[in-house]
Amino acid sequence: MKFTATHLAGAFLIEPQVFTDERGYFFESYHQQKFAQHGITASFVQDNESRSSYGVMRGLHHQAGGFSQAKLIRVLSGEILDIGVDVRLDSPTFGQYMSAKLSAHNKCMLYLPRGFLHGFAVLSPEAVVSYKCDNLWHKEAELTIALDDPDLAIAWPFDLEQAIISEKDRAGISLRSWLKQSHFVPRYRPELAQ
């Protein structure tokens, strides 16, 4: 496996070594020891899967507090633009995002540590996305940040007015609102808490 660190500390793009022959292909989608060699020691406890059509956007989701989740995301069919946003209060990259195209073709995976928002946009006619989590989902801890938050300025591939977005995701709050409601002050971007 090839692990490429992103500009957001702890987040990695992971490219597996794929073995192909006349029967098809084989690759390791997870290997605890190889992940640990790159500082990824998450103990995964839940797997999730979603199927979405072209133009669907999901996110930006986060489990707050002690319910935060590290995620290992991959695409079983189709292609997505996957987004991770650093919302770790003590991180020098707080409020910054990274994006990666994940597909069944490239078989790349994205690892996001705890303290990240996650979302994606479907670029193919259909996409099946699978991701591992290192903490169980808790409804009370769920947080949805607006996909079009101006402080994040994410370069989405679709006009949000034309995209297919759930009512819950359309009702996402701004990062500033979350910080104010929670009385959080990020160390490196304290102006967002005002």
N, C-alpha and C. Protein backbone atom coordinates (compact mmCIF):
# COMPACT_ATOMS: atom_id res chain seq x y z
N MET A 1 0.84 -1.18 0.00
CA MET A 1 0.00 0.00 0.00
C MET A 1 0.88 1.24 0.00
N LYS A 2 0.42 2.25 -0.74
CA LYS A 2 1.14 3.52 -0.76
C LYS A 2 0.32 4.52 0.05
N PHE A 3 0.92 5.10 1.09
CA PHE A 3 0.28 6.08 1.95
C PHE A 3 0.82 7.46 1.59
N THR A 4 -0.06 8.36 1.18
CA THR A 4 0.35 9.73 0.87
C THR A 4 -0.30 10.67 1.87
N ALA A 5 0.54 11.33 2.66
CA ALA A 5 0.03 12.29 3.64
C ALA A 5 -0.54 13.50 2.91
N THR A 6 -1.67 14.01 3.38
CA THR A 6 -2.24 15.22 2.81
C THR A 6 -1.70 16.42 3.59
N HIS A 7 -2.09 17.63 3.19
CA HIS A 7 -1.65 18.82 3.92
C HIS A 7 -2.37 18.96 5.26
N LEU A 8 -3.37 18.11 5.52
CA LEU A 8 -4.06 18.10 6.81
C LEU A 8 -3.49 16.95 7.63
N ALA A 9 -2.79 17.27 8.70
CA ALA A 9 -2.08 16.27 9.49
C ALA A 9 -2.99 15.12 9.91
N GLY A 10 -2.53 13.91 9.66
CA GLY A 10 -3.27 12.71 10.06
C GLY A 10 -4.18 12.17 8.99
N ALA A 11 -4.44 12.93 7.93
CA ALA A 11 -5.29 12.47 6.83
C ALA A 11 -4.40 11.93 5.72
N PHE A 12 -4.76 10.74 5.21
CA PHE A 12 -3.94 10.07 4.21
C PHE A 12 -4.79 9.62 3.02
N LEU A 13 -4.20 9.72 1.84
CA LEU A 13 -4.74 9.06 0.66
C LEU A 13 -3.97 7.75 0.54
N ILE A 14 -4.69 6.66 0.41
CA ILE A 14 -4.08 5.33 0.44
C ILE A 14 -4.38 4.61 -0.87
N GLU A 15 -3.32 4.19 -1.53
CA GLU A 15 -3.45 3.48 -2.81
C GLU A 15 -2.99 2.04 -2.61
N PRO A 16 -3.90 1.09 -2.73
CA PRO A 16 -3.51 -0.30 -2.52
C PRO A 16 -2.74 -0.85 -3.72
N GLN A 17 -1.97 -1.90 -3.48
CA GLN A 17 -1.32 -2.61 -4.57
C GLN A 17 -2.33 -3.63 -5.10
N VAL A 18 -2.67 -3.52 -6.36
CA VAL A 18 -3.70 -4.37 -6.95
C VAL A 18 -3.04 -5.44 -7.80
N PHE A 19 -3.43 -6.68 -7.57
CA PHE A 19 -2.92 -7.82 -8.33
C PHE A 19 -4.02 -8.28 -9.28
N THR A 20 -3.72 -8.29 -10.57
CA THR A 20 -4.72 -8.68 -11.56
C THR A 20 -4.24 -9.89 -12.36
N ASP A 21 -5.18 -10.69 -12.80
CA ASP A 21 -4.91 -11.78 -13.74
C ASP A 21 -6.20 -12.09 -14.49
N GLU A 22 -6.24 -13.19 -15.19
CA GLU A 22 -7.42 -13.51 -16.00
C GLU A 22 -8.68 -13.72 -15.17
N ARG A 23 -8.54 -13.95 -13.88
CA ARG A 23 -9.70 -14.16 -13.01
C ARG A 23 -10.32 -12.85 -12.54
N GLY A 24 -9.52 -11.77 -12.54
CA GLY A 24 -9.99 -10.49 -12.00
C GLY A 24 -8.87 -9.80 -11.23
N TYR A 25 -9.16 -9.38 -10.00
CA TYR A 25 -8.15 -8.68 -9.22
C TYR A 25 -8.26 -9.06 -7.74
N PHE A 26 -7.19 -8.72 -7.00
CA PHE A 26 -7.15 -8.89 -5.54
C PHE A 26 -6.33 -7.73 -4.98
N PHE A 27 -6.78 -7.20 -3.83
CA PHE A 27 -5.96 -6.24 -3.10
C PHE A 27 -6.38 -6.22 -1.64
N GLU A 28 -5.46 -5.79 -0.79
CA GLU A 28 -5.76 -5.59 0.63
C GLU A 28 -6.40 -4.23 0.79
N SER A 29 -7.62 -4.18 1.33
CA SER A 29 -8.27 -2.89 1.56
C SER A 29 -7.99 -2.38 2.98
N TYR A 30 -7.46 -3.23 3.81
CA TYR A 30 -7.07 -2.81 5.16
C TYR A 30 -6.04 -3.80 5.69
N HIS A 31 -5.01 -3.27 6.34
CA HIS A 31 -3.98 -4.11 6.96
C HIS A 31 -3.51 -3.37 8.20
N GLN A 32 -3.90 -3.86 9.37
CA GLN A 32 -3.66 -3.15 10.62
C GLN A 32 -2.20 -2.79 10.82
N GLN A 33 -1.30 -3.70 10.55
CA GLN A 33 0.12 -3.44 10.78
C GLN A 33 0.65 -2.35 9.84
N LYS A 34 0.26 -2.40 8.57
CA LYS A 34 0.72 -1.39 7.61
C LYS A 34 0.15 -0.01 7.96
N PHE A 35 -1.09 0.03 8.41
CA PHE A 35 -1.68 1.30 8.82
C PHE A 35 -0.94 1.84 10.05
N ALA A 36 -0.65 0.98 11.01
CA ALA A 36 0.05 1.40 12.23
C ALA A 36 1.42 1.97 11.93
N GLN A 37 2.08 1.47 10.90
CA GLN A 37 3.40 1.99 10.51
C GLN A 37 3.32 3.46 10.08
N HIS A 38 2.11 3.92 9.76
CA HIS A 38 1.91 5.32 9.37
C HIS A 38 1.16 6.11 10.44
N GLY A 39 1.13 5.55 11.65
CA GLY A 39 0.52 6.24 12.77
C GLY A 39 -0.99 6.11 12.85
N ILE A 40 -1.57 5.25 12.02
CA ILE A 40 -3.02 5.05 12.03
C ILE A 40 -3.32 3.83 12.89
N THR A 41 -3.81 4.11 14.09
CA THR A 41 -4.06 3.02 15.04
C THR A 41 -5.53 2.88 15.40
N ALA A 42 -6.39 3.44 14.58
CA ALA A 42 -7.83 3.37 14.84
C ALA A 42 -8.28 1.92 14.91
N SER A 43 -9.16 1.65 15.85
CA SER A 43 -9.76 0.32 15.98
C SER A 43 -11.19 0.44 15.46
N PHE A 44 -11.43 -0.05 14.26
CA PHE A 44 -12.72 0.14 13.61
C PHE A 44 -13.80 -0.74 14.23
N VAL A 45 -14.98 -0.14 14.48
CA VAL A 45 -16.07 -0.84 15.16
C VAL A 45 -17.38 -0.84 14.38
N GLN A 46 -17.42 -0.10 13.26
CA GLN A 46 -18.66 0.00 12.49
C GLN A 46 -18.33 0.22 11.03
N ASP A 47 -19.03 -0.50 10.14
CA ASP A 47 -18.92 -0.28 8.70
C ASP A 47 -20.24 0.27 8.18
N ASN A 48 -20.16 1.27 7.30
CA ASN A 48 -21.35 1.86 6.69
C ASN A 48 -21.22 1.80 5.18
N GLU A 49 -22.37 1.76 4.51
CA GLU A 49 -22.38 1.74 3.05
C GLU A 49 -23.57 2.56 2.55
N SER A 50 -23.34 3.31 1.48
CA SER A 50 -24.43 4.08 0.87
C SER A 50 -24.37 3.94 -0.64
N ARG A 51 -25.53 4.02 -1.26
CA ARG A 51 -25.63 4.06 -2.72
C ARG A 51 -26.27 5.39 -3.08
N SER A 52 -25.70 6.08 -4.05
CA SER A 52 -26.20 7.39 -4.44
C SER A 52 -26.11 7.55 -5.94
N SER A 53 -26.97 8.40 -6.49
CA SER A 53 -26.99 8.69 -7.92
C SER A 53 -26.15 9.92 -8.24
N TYR A 54 -25.90 10.11 -9.53
CA TYR A 54 -25.15 11.27 -10.01
C TYR A 54 -25.78 12.56 -9.47
N GLY A 55 -24.93 13.45 -9.02
CA GLY A 55 -25.39 14.75 -8.54
C GLY A 55 -25.77 14.78 -7.08
N VAL A 56 -25.74 13.64 -6.41
CA VAL A 56 -26.02 13.61 -4.97
C VAL A 56 -24.81 14.17 -4.23
N MET A 57 -25.10 14.98 -3.22
CA MET A 57 -24.06 15.47 -2.31
C MET A 57 -24.47 15.11 -0.89
N ARG A 58 -23.54 14.57 -0.13
CA ARG A 58 -23.80 14.20 1.26
C ARG A 58 -22.80 14.92 2.15
N GLY A 59 -23.28 15.40 3.30
CA GLY A 59 -22.39 16.04 4.25
C GLY A 59 -22.82 17.47 4.53
N LEU A 60 -21.99 18.13 5.21
CA LEU A 60 -20.74 17.76 5.85
C LEU A 60 -21.05 17.24 7.26
N HIS A 61 -20.71 16.00 7.53
CA HIS A 61 -21.11 15.34 8.77
C HIS A 61 -19.94 15.18 9.73
N HIS A 62 -20.29 15.19 11.01
CA HIS A 62 -19.31 15.05 12.08
C HIS A 62 -20.03 14.55 13.32
N GLN A 63 -19.33 13.75 14.11
CA GLN A 63 -19.82 13.36 15.43
C GLN A 63 -19.01 14.17 16.43
N ALA A 64 -19.67 14.98 17.22
CA ALA A 64 -18.98 15.91 18.11
C ALA A 64 -18.51 15.25 19.40
N GLY A 65 -17.56 15.90 20.02
CA GLY A 65 -17.07 15.49 21.34
C GLY A 65 -16.45 14.11 21.34
N GLY A 66 -16.74 13.37 22.41
CA GLY A 66 -16.19 12.02 22.59
C GLY A 66 -16.73 11.01 21.61
N PHE A 67 -17.69 11.41 20.77
CA PHE A 67 -18.27 10.50 19.79
C PHE A 67 -17.65 10.68 18.40
N SER A 68 -16.63 11.53 18.30
CA SER A 68 -15.96 11.77 17.03
C SER A 68 -15.50 10.45 16.43
N GLN A 69 -15.45 10.39 15.10
CA GLN A 69 -15.11 9.16 14.41
C GLN A 69 -13.96 9.37 13.43
N ALA A 70 -12.98 8.47 13.47
CA ALA A 70 -12.03 8.35 12.38
C ALA A 70 -12.71 7.51 11.31
N LYS A 71 -12.43 7.79 10.03
CA LYS A 71 -13.09 7.07 8.94
C LYS A 71 -12.09 6.63 7.89
N LEU A 72 -12.32 5.46 7.34
CA LEU A 72 -11.58 4.95 6.19
C LEU A 72 -12.61 4.77 5.09
N ILE A 73 -12.51 5.61 4.05
CA ILE A 73 -13.54 5.68 3.01
C ILE A 73 -13.02 5.09 1.71
N ARG A 74 -13.87 4.28 1.06
CA ARG A 74 -13.54 3.77 -0.27
C ARG A 74 -14.81 3.61 -1.10
N VAL A 75 -14.64 3.51 -2.41
CA VAL A 75 -15.76 3.42 -3.33
C VAL A 75 -15.77 2.02 -3.94
N LEU A 76 -16.92 1.36 -3.84
CA LEU A 76 -17.06 0.00 -4.38
C LEU A 76 -17.51 0.01 -5.83
N SER A 77 -18.29 1.03 -6.22
CA SER A 77 -18.64 1.22 -7.62
C SER A 77 -18.84 2.70 -7.87
N GLY A 78 -18.46 3.15 -9.08
CA GLY A 78 -18.61 4.55 -9.43
C GLY A 78 -17.45 5.41 -8.98
N GLU A 79 -17.72 6.73 -8.87
CA GLU A 79 -16.68 7.70 -8.53
C GLU A 79 -17.28 8.86 -7.74
N ILE A 80 -16.54 9.34 -6.77
CA ILE A 80 -16.96 10.48 -5.95
C ILE A 80 -15.81 11.47 -5.80
N LEU A 81 -16.19 12.70 -5.48
CA LEU A 81 -15.22 13.67 -4.97
C LEU A 81 -15.44 13.67 -3.47
N ASP A 82 -14.45 13.20 -2.72
CA ASP A 82 -14.57 13.08 -1.27
C ASP A 82 -13.90 14.28 -0.61
N ILE A 83 -14.52 14.78 0.45
CA ILE A 83 -14.06 15.99 1.12
C ILE A 83 -13.86 15.72 2.62
N GLY A 84 -12.75 16.16 3.15
CA GLY A 84 -12.50 16.14 4.59
C GLY A 84 -12.15 17.54 5.04
N VAL A 85 -12.74 18.00 6.15
CA VAL A 85 -12.48 19.34 6.68
C VAL A 85 -11.97 19.20 8.11
N ASP A 86 -10.84 19.79 8.39
CA ASP A 86 -10.23 19.73 9.72
C ASP A 86 -10.97 20.67 10.67
N VAL A 87 -11.62 20.11 11.70
CA VAL A 87 -12.26 20.94 12.72
C VAL A 87 -11.71 20.61 14.11
N ARG A 88 -10.46 20.19 14.14
CA ARG A 88 -9.77 19.98 15.42
C ARG A 88 -9.37 21.35 15.95
N LEU A 89 -9.86 21.71 17.12
CA LEU A 89 -9.72 23.07 17.64
C LEU A 89 -8.28 23.51 17.83
N ASP A 90 -7.36 22.57 18.04
CA ASP A 90 -5.96 22.93 18.27
C ASP A 90 -5.09 22.74 17.03
N SER A 91 -5.72 22.51 15.88
CA SER A 91 -4.96 22.22 14.66
C SER A 91 -4.61 23.50 13.89
N PRO A 92 -3.37 23.60 13.39
CA PRO A 92 -3.00 24.76 12.58
C PRO A 92 -3.74 24.81 11.25
N THR A 93 -4.37 23.69 10.85
CA THR A 93 -5.14 23.68 9.60
C THR A 93 -6.65 23.67 9.89
N PHE A 94 -7.05 24.15 11.06
CA PHE A 94 -8.47 24.22 11.41
C PHE A 94 -9.23 24.98 10.31
N GLY A 95 -10.35 24.40 9.86
CA GLY A 95 -11.18 25.05 8.86
C GLY A 95 -10.73 24.84 7.43
N GLN A 96 -9.60 24.16 7.24
CA GLN A 96 -9.13 23.86 5.88
C GLN A 96 -9.67 22.51 5.43
N TYR A 97 -9.79 22.37 4.11
CA TYR A 97 -10.31 21.10 3.59
C TYR A 97 -9.35 20.48 2.58
N MET A 98 -9.56 19.20 2.35
CA MET A 98 -8.84 18.49 1.29
C MET A 98 -9.87 17.70 0.50
N SER A 99 -9.56 17.44 -0.75
CA SER A 99 -10.45 16.67 -1.60
C SER A 99 -9.67 15.60 -2.34
N ALA A 100 -10.36 14.52 -2.67
CA ALA A 100 -9.73 13.43 -3.42
C ALA A 100 -10.81 12.71 -4.23
N LYS A 101 -10.46 12.35 -5.46
CA LYS A 101 -11.37 11.53 -6.25
C LYS A 101 -11.12 10.07 -5.89
N LEU A 102 -12.17 9.45 -5.39
CA LEU A 102 -12.12 8.03 -5.05
C LEU A 102 -13.04 7.31 -6.02
N SER A 103 -12.59 6.16 -6.53
CA SER A 103 -13.42 5.43 -7.47
C SER A 103 -13.16 3.93 -7.38
N ALA A 104 -14.09 3.17 -7.94
CA ALA A 104 -13.89 1.73 -8.04
C ALA A 104 -12.71 1.44 -8.97
N HIS A 105 -12.47 2.34 -9.91
CA HIS A 105 -11.38 2.15 -10.86
C HIS A 105 -10.01 2.36 -10.20
N ASN A 106 -9.84 3.50 -9.47
CA ASN A 106 -8.51 3.76 -8.90
C ASN A 106 -8.30 3.05 -7.55
N LYS A 107 -9.39 2.60 -6.93
CA LYS A 107 -9.35 1.84 -5.68
C LYS A 107 -8.65 2.57 -4.53
N CYS A 108 -8.46 3.88 -4.69
CA CYS A 108 -7.84 4.67 -3.61
C CYS A 108 -8.82 4.82 -2.45
N MET A 109 -8.26 4.98 -1.28
CA MET A 109 -9.03 5.16 -0.05
C MET A 109 -8.57 6.45 0.62
N LEU A 110 -9.45 7.01 1.44
CA LEU A 110 -9.10 8.20 2.21
C LEU A 110 -9.28 7.88 3.68
N TYR A 111 -8.24 8.16 4.46
CA TYR A 111 -8.34 8.01 5.91
C TYR A 111 -8.42 9.41 6.53
N LEU A 112 -9.49 9.64 7.30
CA LEU A 112 -9.67 10.89 8.04
C LEU A 112 -9.63 10.56 9.52
N PRO A 113 -8.75 11.22 10.28
CA PRO A 113 -8.71 10.96 11.72
C PRO A 113 -9.91 11.61 12.42
N ARG A 114 -10.07 11.35 13.69
CA ARG A 114 -11.12 12.00 14.46
C ARG A 114 -10.94 13.52 14.38
N GLY A 115 -12.07 14.24 14.39
CA GLY A 115 -12.02 15.69 14.36
C GLY A 115 -12.14 16.26 12.96
N PHE A 116 -12.70 15.49 12.02
CA PHE A 116 -12.90 15.96 10.65
C PHE A 116 -14.38 15.92 10.28
N LEU A 117 -14.81 16.93 9.51
CA LEU A 117 -16.09 16.85 8.82
C LEU A 117 -15.87 15.99 7.59
N HIS A 118 -16.92 15.30 7.14
CA HIS A 118 -16.80 14.48 5.94
C HIS A 118 -18.02 14.67 5.05
N GLY A 119 -17.77 14.71 3.74
CA GLY A 119 -18.85 14.80 2.77
C GLY A 119 -18.34 14.36 1.41
N PHE A 120 -19.27 14.16 0.47
CA PHE A 120 -18.85 13.81 -0.88
C PHE A 120 -19.92 14.16 -1.90
N ALA A 121 -19.47 14.22 -3.16
CA ALA A 121 -20.35 14.45 -4.31
C ALA A 121 -20.16 13.30 -5.28
N VAL A 122 -21.27 12.80 -5.84
CA VAL A 122 -21.21 11.66 -6.76
C VAL A 122 -20.99 12.15 -8.19
N LEU A 123 -19.92 11.66 -8.82
CA LEU A 123 -19.53 12.10 -10.15
C LEU A 123 -19.95 11.13 -11.25
N SER A 124 -20.32 9.91 -10.89
CA SER A 124 -20.68 8.86 -11.86
C SER A 124 -22.19 8.65 -11.83
N PRO A 125 -22.75 7.90 -12.79
CA PRO A 125 -24.20 7.66 -12.77
C PRO A 125 -24.70 7.12 -11.44
N GLU A 126 -23.87 6.34 -10.78
CA GLU A 126 -24.21 5.80 -9.46
C GLU A 126 -22.90 5.53 -8.73
N ALA A 127 -22.91 5.58 -7.41
CA ALA A 127 -21.73 5.25 -6.62
C ALA A 127 -22.14 4.54 -5.35
N VAL A 128 -21.39 3.51 -5.02
CA VAL A 128 -21.56 2.82 -3.74
C VAL A 128 -20.32 3.12 -2.92
N VAL A 129 -20.54 3.74 -1.77
CA VAL A 129 -19.45 4.18 -0.89
C VAL A 129 -19.49 3.36 0.39
N SER A 130 -18.33 2.88 0.80
CA SER A 130 -18.21 2.11 2.04
C SER A 130 -17.18 2.79 2.92
N TYR A 131 -17.50 2.87 4.22
CA TYR A 131 -16.49 3.44 5.11
C TYR A 131 -16.55 2.80 6.49
N LYS A 132 -15.35 2.65 7.04
CA LYS A 132 -15.18 2.12 8.39
C LYS A 132 -15.11 3.29 9.37
N CYS A 133 -15.65 3.08 10.57
CA CYS A 133 -15.61 4.10 11.64
C CYS A 133 -15.02 3.48 12.89
N ASP A 134 -14.30 4.28 13.65
CA ASP A 134 -13.69 3.76 14.89
C ASP A 134 -14.51 4.11 16.13
N ASN A 135 -15.73 4.62 15.93
CA ASN A 135 -16.61 4.93 17.05
C ASN A 135 -18.04 4.73 16.55
N LEU A 136 -18.91 4.31 17.42
CA LEU A 136 -20.30 4.07 17.04
C LEU A 136 -21.03 5.39 16.84
N TRP A 137 -22.01 5.39 15.94
CA TRP A 137 -22.82 6.57 15.65
C TRP A 137 -23.75 6.86 16.83
N HIS A 138 -23.85 8.13 17.20
CA HIS A 138 -24.76 8.58 18.25
C HIS A 138 -25.56 9.77 17.73
N LYS A 139 -26.86 9.63 17.67
CA LYS A 139 -27.73 10.67 17.14
C LYS A 139 -27.52 12.01 17.84
N GLU A 140 -27.37 11.98 19.18
CA GLU A 140 -27.25 13.22 19.95
C GLU A 140 -25.96 13.97 19.63
N ALA A 141 -24.95 13.28 19.12
CA ALA A 141 -23.66 13.91 18.84
C ALA A 141 -23.53 14.35 17.39
N GLU A 142 -24.54 14.07 16.58
CA GLU A 142 -24.46 14.35 15.15
C GLU A 142 -24.45 15.86 14.87
N LEU A 143 -23.59 16.26 13.97
CA LEU A 143 -23.46 17.66 13.57
C LEU A 143 -23.40 17.71 12.05
N THR A 144 -24.18 18.61 11.46
CA THR A 144 -24.12 18.82 10.01
C THR A 144 -23.78 20.28 9.74
N ILE A 145 -22.67 20.49 9.07
CA ILE A 145 -22.23 21.83 8.68
C ILE A 145 -22.63 22.05 7.23
N ALA A 146 -23.06 23.27 6.91
CA ALA A 146 -23.55 23.61 5.57
C ALA A 146 -22.49 23.33 4.50
N LEU A 147 -22.93 22.70 3.42
CA LEU A 147 -22.05 22.40 2.30
C LEU A 147 -21.48 23.66 1.66
N ASP A 148 -22.25 24.76 1.74
CA ASP A 148 -21.83 26.02 1.11
C ASP A 148 -21.32 27.04 2.12
N ASP A 149 -20.82 26.58 3.25
CA ASP A 149 -20.30 27.50 4.27
C ASP A 149 -19.20 28.38 3.65
N PRO A 150 -19.38 29.70 3.66
CA PRO A 150 -18.39 30.58 3.03
C PRO A 150 -17.02 30.56 3.71
N ASP A 151 -16.98 30.24 5.00
CA ASP A 151 -15.69 30.17 5.68
C ASP A 151 -14.87 28.96 5.23
N LEU A 152 -15.56 27.95 4.71
CA LEU A 152 -14.85 26.76 4.22
C LEU A 152 -14.51 26.90 2.74
N ALA A 153 -15.39 27.55 1.98
CA ALA A 153 -15.17 27.82 0.54
C ALA A 153 -14.76 26.57 -0.23
N ILE A 154 -15.51 25.51 -0.06
CA ILE A 154 -15.21 24.25 -0.74
C ILE A 154 -15.57 24.36 -2.22
N ALA A 155 -14.67 23.90 -3.08
CA ALA A 155 -14.90 23.91 -4.53
C ALA A 155 -15.63 22.62 -4.92
N TRP A 156 -16.94 22.63 -4.76
CA TRP A 156 -17.76 21.47 -5.12
C TRP A 156 -17.88 21.38 -6.65
N PRO A 157 -18.09 20.19 -7.20
CA PRO A 157 -18.20 20.04 -8.65
C PRO A 157 -19.57 20.41 -9.22
N PHE A 158 -20.55 20.68 -8.35
CA PHE A 158 -21.90 20.99 -8.80
C PHE A 158 -22.39 22.30 -8.17
N ASP A 159 -23.33 22.93 -8.84
CA ASP A 159 -24.07 24.03 -8.26
C ASP A 159 -24.97 23.44 -7.19
N LEU A 160 -24.88 23.94 -5.98
CA LEU A 160 -25.65 23.35 -4.88
C LEU A 160 -27.15 23.46 -5.08
N GLU A 161 -27.59 24.43 -5.88
CA GLU A 161 -29.02 24.55 -6.15
C GLU A 161 -29.51 23.41 -7.03
N GLN A 162 -28.64 22.87 -7.87
CA GLN A 162 -29.01 21.79 -8.78
C GLN A 162 -28.71 20.41 -8.21
N ALA A 163 -27.87 20.33 -7.21
CA ALA A 163 -27.47 19.05 -6.63
C ALA A 163 -28.63 18.41 -5.86
N ILE A 164 -28.53 17.11 -5.69
CA ILE A 164 -29.52 16.36 -4.92
C ILE A 164 -28.99 16.26 -3.49
N ILE A 165 -29.65 16.96 -2.58
CA ILE A 165 -29.19 17.07 -1.19
C ILE A 165 -30.37 16.84 -0.27
N SER A 166 -30.17 16.07 0.78
CA SER A 166 -31.25 15.81 1.73
C SER A 166 -31.65 17.09 2.46
N GLU A 167 -32.87 17.09 2.98
CA GLU A 167 -33.33 18.24 3.76
C GLU A 167 -32.43 18.48 4.96
N LYS A 168 -32.02 17.39 5.61
CA LYS A 168 -31.14 17.51 6.78
C LYS A 168 -29.82 18.19 6.41
N ASP A 169 -29.24 17.79 5.27
CA ASP A 169 -27.97 18.39 4.86
C ASP A 169 -28.16 19.83 4.39
N ARG A 170 -29.28 20.14 3.75
CA ARG A 170 -29.56 21.52 3.34
C ARG A 170 -29.74 22.43 4.56
N ALA A 171 -30.14 21.84 5.69
CA ALA A 171 -30.36 22.62 6.91
C ALA A 171 -29.10 22.73 7.77
N GLY A 172 -27.95 22.29 7.23
CA GLY A 172 -26.71 22.37 7.99
C GLY A 172 -26.40 23.79 8.43
N ILE A 173 -25.76 23.91 9.57
CA ILE A 173 -25.42 25.22 10.12
C ILE A 173 -24.01 25.61 9.68
N SER A 174 -23.66 26.87 9.89
CA SER A 174 -22.31 27.31 9.55
C SER A 174 -21.32 26.87 10.64
N LEU A 175 -20.07 26.80 10.25
CA LEU A 175 -19.02 26.46 11.21
C LEU A 175 -18.98 27.50 12.32
N ARG A 176 -19.16 28.78 11.98
CA ARG A 176 -19.18 29.85 12.98
C ARG A 176 -20.31 29.64 13.99
N SER A 177 -21.50 29.26 13.50
CA SER A 177 -22.63 29.03 14.40
C SER A 177 -22.33 27.92 15.38
N TRP A 178 -21.74 26.83 14.87
CA TRP A 178 -21.39 25.70 15.75
C TRP A 178 -20.40 26.14 16.82
N LEU A 179 -19.38 26.90 16.43
CA LEU A 179 -18.38 27.36 17.40
C LEU A 179 -19.02 28.25 18.46
N LYS A 180 -19.90 29.15 18.03
CA LYS A 180 -20.57 30.06 18.98
C LYS A 180 -21.48 29.29 19.92
N GLN A 181 -22.29 28.38 19.37
CA GLN A 181 -23.22 27.60 20.19
C GLN A 181 -22.48 26.75 21.23
N SER A 182 -21.33 26.24 20.82
CA SER A 182 -20.57 25.34 21.70
C SER A 182 -19.55 26.07 22.56
N HIS A 183 -19.39 27.37 22.32
CA HIS A 183 -18.40 28.19 23.04
C HIS A 183 -16.98 27.67 22.80
N PHE A 184 -16.75 27.16 21.58
CA PHE A 184 -15.42 26.69 21.19
C PHE A 184 -14.66 27.84 20.55
N VAL A 185 -13.37 27.93 20.84
CA VAL A 185 -12.51 28.91 20.19
C VAL A 185 -11.33 28.14 19.60
N PRO A 186 -11.27 28.06 18.27
CA PRO A 186 -10.13 27.35 17.67
C PRO A 186 -8.84 28.11 17.91
N ARG A 187 -7.79 27.39 18.20
CA ARG A 187 -6.51 28.00 18.56
C ARG A 187 -5.95 28.87 17.42
N TYR A 188 -6.05 28.38 16.19
CA TYR A 188 -5.39 29.07 15.08
C TYR A 188 -6.31 29.96 14.25
N ARG A 189 -7.63 29.89 14.44
CA ARG A 189 -8.55 30.79 13.73
C ARG A 189 -9.61 31.29 14.71
N PRO A 190 -9.18 31.99 15.76
CA PRO A 190 -10.12 32.41 16.80
C PRO A 190 -11.20 33.36 16.29
N GLU A 191 -10.94 34.04 15.16
CA GLU A 191 -11.93 34.97 14.60
C GLU A 191 -13.22 34.25 14.19
N LEU A 192 -13.16 32.96 13.92
CA LEU A 192 -14.37 32.22 13.53
C LEU A 192 -15.33 32.02 14.70
N ALA A 193 -14.84 32.19 15.91
CA ALA A 193 -15.70 32.04 17.10
C ALA A 193 -16.43 33.34 17.45
N GLN A 194 -16.17 34.39 16.71
CA GLN A 194 -16.79 35.70 17.01
C GLN A 194 -18.11 35.88 16.30
